[in-house]
Amino acid sequence: MATLVITVIGDDRPGLVSALADVVAEHSGSWGRSQLARLAGTFAGIVTVDVPGNRVDALRAAIGGLGGVLETTVRVAPDPDATEGAAAEGPVLHLDLIGNDRPGIVREITGTLAAHRVSVEDLQTKVVPAPQAGGDLFTARAAVRAPAGADLGALREALEHLAGELLVDLSFEAQDLADWE
């Protein structure tokens, strides 16, 4: 079996997921994990599909045929057992942030995470009207994975310092990744 990672984007309308699911099923694919959403009138998502190795090329071609409905990309996921030199995985951490919306918040937070070699496993953001205050609030929820042996105290300190500079509320704690899947 091979695992394909498929990204899709298109003008939102009924039947987009069904069109993709039909092609996957017609090629003996098994729909795995997915995140699909309507964003600013556009449908976008990512899906993993397990497919017999001898069906990969046919499924790729069929997905490419959805071009009139969805723009797609298809990648074969690397075999995790064959990946050499992968960093040892450390703890998964949960980060929540809320504050007045302004440009650069994601860049600042992810820059701090990257400086500590922390990988983003899942990131969900949205902008919502601020209740009774006018303006907008930016909210973010993330599951991030620190490398084995990471100095979590230093990471927490850096994030708390940044939260003070950005004037946002931030919580940061260990979290089991299963809660995010």
C-alpha atoms as a PDB file:
ATOM      1  CA  MET A   1       0.000   0.000   0.000  1.00  0.00           C
ATOM      2  CA  ALA A   2       1.047   3.562  -0.668  1.00  0.00           C
ATOM      3  CA  THR A   3      -0.191   6.650   1.113  1.00  0.00           C
ATOM      4  CA  LEU A   4      -0.998   9.638  -1.068  1.00  0.00           C
ATOM      5  CA  VAL A   5      -1.304  13.164   0.254  1.00  0.00           C
ATOM      6  CA  ILE A   6      -3.784  15.069  -1.902  1.00  0.00           C
ATOM      7  CA  THR A   7      -4.394  18.805  -1.739  1.00  0.00           C
ATOM      8  CA  VAL A   8      -7.451  20.339  -3.354  1.00  0.00           C
ATOM      9  CA  ILE A   9      -8.717  23.855  -3.969  1.00  0.00           C
ATOM     10  CA  GLY A  10     -11.612  25.205  -5.980  1.00  0.00           C
ATOM     11  CA  ASP A  11     -14.568  27.532  -6.080  1.00  0.00           C
ATOM     12  CA  ASP A  12     -16.931  26.317  -3.381  1.00  0.00           C
ATOM     13  CA  ARG A  13     -20.029  24.479  -4.569  1.00  0.00           C
ATOM     14  CA  PRO A  14     -21.924  21.328  -3.607  1.00  0.00           C
ATOM     15  CA  GLY A  15     -20.419  18.021  -4.716  1.00  0.00           C
ATOM     16  CA  LEU A  16     -16.692  18.770  -4.550  1.00  0.00           C
ATOM     17  CA  VAL A  17     -15.936  16.254  -1.801  1.00  0.00           C
ATOM     18  CA  SER A  18     -18.187  13.711  -3.481  1.00  0.00           C
ATOM     19  CA  ALA A  19     -16.324  14.105  -6.795  1.00  0.00           C
ATOM     20  CA  LEU A  20     -12.999  13.434  -5.083  1.00  0.00           C
ATOM     21  CA  ALA A  21     -14.396  10.568  -3.001  1.00  0.00           C
ATOM     22  CA  ASP A  22     -15.804   8.931  -6.144  1.00  0.00           C
ATOM     23  CA  VAL A  23     -12.397   8.960  -7.840  1.00  0.00           C
ATOM     24  CA  VAL A  24     -10.684   7.601  -4.721  1.00  0.00           C
ATOM     25  CA  ALA A  25     -13.200   4.766  -4.347  1.00  0.00           C
ATOM     26  CA  GLU A  26     -13.093   3.889  -8.063  1.00  0.00           C
ATOM     27  CA  HIS A  27      -9.352   3.237  -7.697  1.00  0.00           C
ATOM     28  CA  SER A  28      -9.609   1.082  -4.525  1.00  0.00           C
ATOM     29  CA  GLY A  29      -8.369   3.931  -2.364  1.00  0.00           C
ATOM     30  CA  SER A  30      -9.179   4.197   1.316  1.00  0.00           C
ATOM     31  CA  TRP A  31      -9.897   7.751   2.520  1.00  0.00           C
ATOM     32  CA  GLY A  32      -7.815   8.462   5.616  1.00  0.00           C
ATOM     33  CA  ARG A  33      -7.270  11.637   7.544  1.00  0.00           C
ATOM     34  CA  SER A  34      -8.544  14.887   6.047  1.00  0.00           C
ATOM     35  CA  GLN A  35      -9.054  18.546   6.765  1.00  0.00           C
ATOM     36  CA  LEU A  36     -11.433  20.309   4.417  1.00  0.00           C
ATOM     37  CA  ALA A  37     -12.904  23.775   4.770  1.00  0.00           C
ATOM     38  CA  ARG A  38     -14.625  26.670   3.055  1.00  0.00           C
ATOM     39  CA  LEU A  39     -12.402  29.726   3.313  1.00  0.00           C
ATOM     40  CA  ALA A  40     -13.384  33.073   1.764  1.00  0.00           C
ATOM     41  CA  GLY A  41     -15.711  31.405  -0.733  1.00  0.00           C
ATOM     42  CA  THR A  42     -13.066  28.892  -1.735  1.00  0.00           C
ATOM     43  CA  PHE A  43     -13.062  25.218  -0.875  1.00  0.00           C
ATOM     44  CA  ALA A  44      -9.650  23.924   0.203  1.00  0.00           C
ATOM     45  CA  GLY A  45      -8.347  20.818   1.846  1.00  0.00           C
ATOM     46  CA  ILE A  46      -5.884  18.041   2.293  1.00  0.00           C
ATOM     47  CA  VAL A  47      -6.601  14.315   2.361  1.00  0.00           C
ATOM     48  CA  THR A  48      -4.548  11.177   2.890  1.00  0.00           C
ATOM     49  CA  VAL A  49      -5.528   8.141   0.853  1.00  0.00           C
ATOM     50  CA  ASP A  50      -4.145   4.614   1.122  1.00  0.00           C
ATOM     51  CA  VAL A  51      -4.104   2.860  -2.233  1.00  0.00           C
ATOM     52  CA  PRO A  52      -2.604  -0.397  -3.514  1.00  0.00           C
ATOM     53  CA  GLY A  53       0.848   0.311  -4.972  1.00  0.00           C
ATOM     54  CA  ASN A  54      -0.180  -0.846  -8.444  1.00  0.00           C
ATOM     55  CA  ARG A  55      -3.045   1.720  -8.488  1.00  0.00           C
ATOM     56  CA  VAL A  56      -1.025   4.833  -7.569  1.00  0.00           C
ATOM     57  CA  ASP A  57      -0.418   6.070 -11.124  1.00  0.00           C
ATOM     58  CA  ALA A  58      -4.012   5.463 -12.219  1.00  0.00           C
ATOM     59  CA  LEU A  59      -5.378   7.272  -9.165  1.00  0.00           C
ATOM     60  CA  ARG A  60      -2.980  10.176  -9.701  1.00  0.00           C
ATOM     61  CA  ALA A  61      -4.123  10.492 -13.322  1.00  0.00           C
ATOM     62  CA  ALA A  62      -7.793  10.327 -12.348  1.00  0.00           C
ATOM     63  CA  ILE A  63      -7.371  12.982  -9.666  1.00  0.00           C
ATOM     64  CA  GLY A  64      -5.595  15.150 -12.220  1.00  0.00           C
ATOM     65  CA  GLY A  65      -8.698  14.770 -14.374  1.00  0.00           C
ATOM     66  CA  LEU A  66     -10.676  16.732 -11.788  1.00  0.00           C
ATOM     67  CA  GLY A  67      -8.941  19.887 -13.095  1.00  0.00           C
ATOM     68  CA  GLY A  68     -12.181  21.419 -14.310  1.00  0.00           C
ATOM     69  CA  VAL A  69     -13.683  21.049 -10.837  1.00  0.00           C
ATOM     70  CA  LEU A  70     -10.734  21.148  -8.420  1.00  0.00           C
ATOM     71  CA  GLU A  71      -7.093  22.102  -8.673  1.00  0.00           C
ATOM     72  CA  THR A  72      -5.155  19.224  -7.126  1.00  0.00           C
ATOM     73  CA  THR A  73      -1.676  18.112  -6.195  1.00  0.00           C
ATOM     74  CA  VAL A  74      -0.779  14.540  -5.288  1.00  0.00           C
ATOM     75  CA  ARG A  75       2.315  13.396  -3.420  1.00  0.00           C
ATOM     76  CA  VAL A  76       3.312   9.947  -2.326  1.00  0.00           C
ATOM     77  CA  ALA A  77       4.016  10.159   1.397  1.00  0.00           C
ATOM     78  CA  PRO A  78       7.485   9.022   2.405  1.00  0.00           C
ATOM     79  CA  ASP A  79       7.755   5.690   4.189  1.00  0.00           C
ATOM     80  CA  PRO A  80       8.334   6.631   7.834  1.00  0.00           C
ATOM     81  CA  ASP A  81      10.541   3.537   8.320  1.00  0.00           C
ATOM     82  CA  ALA A  82      12.755   4.569   5.397  1.00  0.00           C
ATOM     83  CA  THR A  83      13.314   8.131   6.571  1.00  0.00           C
ATOM     84  CA  GLU A  84      16.889   8.400   7.811  1.00  0.00           C
ATOM     85  CA  GLY A  85      18.151  11.079  10.136  1.00  0.00           C
ATOM     86  CA  ALA A  86      14.703  12.067  11.341  1.00  0.00           C
ATOM     87  CA  ALA A  87      14.831  13.982  14.585  1.00  0.00           C
ATOM     88  CA  ALA A  88      13.692  12.083  17.640  1.00  0.00           C
ATOM     89  CA  GLU A  89      10.161  13.048  18.442  1.00  0.00           C
ATOM     90  CA  GLY A  90       9.521  14.811  21.685  1.00  0.00           C
ATOM     91  CA  PRO A  91       6.413  15.950  23.498  1.00  0.00           C
ATOM     92  CA  VAL A  92       3.339  17.403  21.843  1.00  0.00           C
ATOM     93  CA  LEU A  93       2.361  20.759  23.281  1.00  0.00           C
ATOM     94  CA  HIS A  94      -0.898  22.665  23.100  1.00  0.00           C
ATOM     95  CA  LEU A  95      -0.865  26.387  22.400  1.00  0.00           C
ATOM     96  CA  ASP A  96      -3.883  28.722  22.484  1.00  0.00           C
ATOM     97  CA  LEU A  97      -3.677  32.410  21.635  1.00  0.00           C
ATOM     98  CA  ILE A  98      -6.195  35.239  21.516  1.00  0.00           C
ATOM     99  CA  GLY A  99      -5.646  38.951  21.009  1.00  0.00           C
ATOM    100  CA  ASN A 100      -6.460  41.966  18.897  1.00  0.00           C
ATOM    101  CA  ASP A 101      -5.934  41.129  15.246  1.00  0.00           C
ATOM    102  CA  ARG A 102      -2.937  42.653  13.527  1.00  0.00           C
ATOM    103  CA  PRO A 103      -0.545  41.632  10.756  1.00  0.00           C
ATOM    104  CA  GLY A 104       2.403  39.463  11.750  1.00  0.00           C
ATOM    105  CA  ILE A 105       1.051  37.446  14.687  1.00  0.00           C
ATOM    106  CA  VAL A 106       1.477  34.073  12.956  1.00  0.00           C
ATOM    107  CA  ARG A 107       4.944  35.044  11.721  1.00  0.00           C
ATOM    108  CA  GLU A 108       6.074  36.060  15.209  1.00  0.00           C
ATOM    109  CA  ILE A 109       4.730  32.948  16.959  1.00  0.00           C
ATOM    110  CA  THR A 110       5.955  30.476  14.329  1.00  0.00           C
ATOM    111  CA  GLY A 111       9.322  32.227  14.213  1.00  0.00           C
ATOM    112  CA  THR A 112       9.725  31.665  17.934  1.00  0.00           C
ATOM    113  CA  LEU A 113       8.683  28.030  17.556  1.00  0.00           C
ATOM    114  CA  ALA A 114      11.140  27.508  14.691  1.00  0.00           C
ATOM    115  CA  ALA A 115      13.959  29.110  16.688  1.00  0.00           C
ATOM    116  CA  HIS A 116      13.392  26.381  19.292  1.00  0.00           C
ATOM    117  CA  ARG A 117      13.186  23.658  16.577  1.00  0.00           C
ATOM    118  CA  VAL A 118       9.495  23.086  17.365  1.00  0.00           C
ATOM    119  CA  SER A 119       7.361  21.653  14.552  1.00  0.00           C
ATOM    120  CA  VAL A 120       3.741  22.645  13.940  1.00  0.00           C
ATOM    121  CA  GLU A 121       1.553  19.508  13.890  1.00  0.00           C
ATOM    122  CA  ASP A 122      -1.795  21.306  13.599  1.00  0.00           C
ATOM    123  CA  LEU A 123      -2.666  25.001  13.386  1.00  0.00           C
ATOM    124  CA  GLN A 124      -6.167  26.440  13.315  1.00  0.00           C
ATOM    125  CA  THR A 125      -6.722  30.182  13.193  1.00  0.00           C
ATOM    126  CA  LYS A 126      -9.642  32.526  12.770  1.00  0.00           C
ATOM    127  CA  VAL A 127     -10.550  36.173  13.075  1.00  0.00           C
ATOM    128  CA  VAL A 128     -13.769  36.994  14.925  1.00  0.00           C
ATOM    129  CA  PRO A 129     -15.489  40.247  15.880  1.00  0.00           C
ATOM    130  CA  ALA A 130     -14.477  41.460  19.332  1.00  0.00           C
ATOM    131  CA  PRO A 131     -17.562  41.378  21.547  1.00  0.00           C
ATOM    132  CA  GLN A 132     -18.565  44.846  22.762  1.00  0.00           C
ATOM    133  CA  ALA A 133     -15.152  46.325  21.906  1.00  0.00           C
ATOM    134  CA  GLY A 134     -15.192  46.857  18.169  1.00  0.00           C
ATOM    135  CA  GLY A 135     -12.407  45.582  15.977  1.00  0.00           C
ATOM    136  CA  ASP A 136     -11.441  41.959  15.503  1.00  0.00           C
ATOM    137  CA  LEU A 137      -9.842  39.272  17.625  1.00  0.00           C
ATOM    138  CA  PHE A 138      -7.319  36.816  16.238  1.00  0.00           C
ATOM    139  CA  THR A 139      -7.480  33.326  17.727  1.00  0.00           C
ATOM    140  CA  ALA A 140      -5.100  30.456  17.162  1.00  0.00           C
ATOM    141  CA  ARG A 141      -4.995  26.917  18.420  1.00  0.00           C
ATOM    142  CA  ALA A 142      -1.998  24.739  17.696  1.00  0.00           C
ATOM    143  CA  ALA A 143      -0.547  21.358  18.473  1.00  0.00           C
ATOM    144  CA  VAL A 144       3.220  21.577  18.202  1.00  0.00           C
ATOM    145  CA  ARG A 145       5.936  18.978  18.691  1.00  0.00           C
ATOM    146  CA  ALA A 146       9.141  19.857  20.483  1.00  0.00           C
ATOM    147  CA  PRO A 147      12.289  17.870  19.730  1.00  0.00           C
ATOM    148  CA  ALA A 148      13.326  15.254  22.262  1.00  0.00           C
ATOM    149  CA  GLY A 149      15.245  16.883  25.084  1.00  0.00           C
ATOM    150  CA  ALA A 150      14.015  20.396  24.276  1.00  0.00           C
ATOM    151  CA  ASP A 151      14.236  23.036  26.984  1.00  0.00           C
ATOM    152  CA  LEU A 152      10.490  23.539  27.430  1.00  0.00           C
ATOM    153  CA  GLY A 153      11.071  26.154  30.118  1.00  0.00           C
ATOM    154  CA  ALA A 154      13.042  28.317  27.693  1.00  0.00           C
ATOM    155  CA  LEU A 155      10.364  27.815  25.038  1.00  0.00           C
ATOM    156  CA  ARG A 156       7.612  28.794  27.468  1.00  0.00           C
ATOM    157  CA  GLU A 157       9.601  31.869  28.539  1.00  0.00           C
ATOM    158  CA  ALA A 158      10.167  32.946  24.917  1.00  0.00           C
ATOM    159  CA  LEU A 159       6.477  32.508  24.063  1.00  0.00           C
ATOM    160  CA  GLU A 160       5.324  34.369  27.185  1.00  0.00           C
ATOM    161  CA  HIS A 161       7.736  37.227  26.408  1.00  0.00           C
ATOM    162  CA  LEU A 162       6.417  37.387  22.847  1.00  0.00           C
ATOM    163  CA  ALA A 163       2.810  37.315  24.085  1.00  0.00           C
ATOM    164  CA  GLY A 164       3.592  40.367  26.205  1.00  0.00           C
ATOM    165  CA  GLU A 165       5.062  42.193  23.214  1.00  0.00           C
ATOM    166  CA  LEU A 166       2.095  41.280  20.998  1.00  0.00           C
ATOM    167  CA  LEU A 167      -0.429  42.041  23.765  1.00  0.00           C
ATOM    168  CA  VAL A 168      -2.115  38.649  23.381  1.00  0.00           C
ATOM    169  CA  ASP A 169      -3.219  36.016  25.863  1.00  0.00           C
ATOM    170  CA  LEU A 170      -1.363  32.758  25.372  1.00  0.00           C
ATOM    171  CA  SER A 171      -1.611  29.389  27.082  1.00  0.00           C
ATOM    172  CA  PHE A 172       0.943  26.657  26.571  1.00  0.00           C
ATOM    173  CA  GLU A 173       0.850  23.125  28.003  1.00  0.00           C
ATOM    174  CA  ALA A 174       1.671  19.504  27.291  1.00  0.00           C
ATOM    175  CA  GLN A 175      -1.087  17.763  25.383  1.00  0.00           C
ATOM    176  CA  ASP A 176      -1.630  14.283  24.012  1.00  0.00           C
ATOM    177  CA  LEU A 177      -1.678  14.420  20.204  1.00  0.00           C
ATOM    178  CA  ALA A 178      -4.579  11.920  20.130  1.00  0.00           C
ATOM    179  CA  ASP A 179      -6.805  14.742  21.402  1.00  0.00           C
ATOM    180  CA  TRP A 180      -6.114  16.634  18.152  1.00  0.00           C
ATOM    181  CA  GLU A 181      -6.774  13.812  15.718  1.00  0.00           C
END
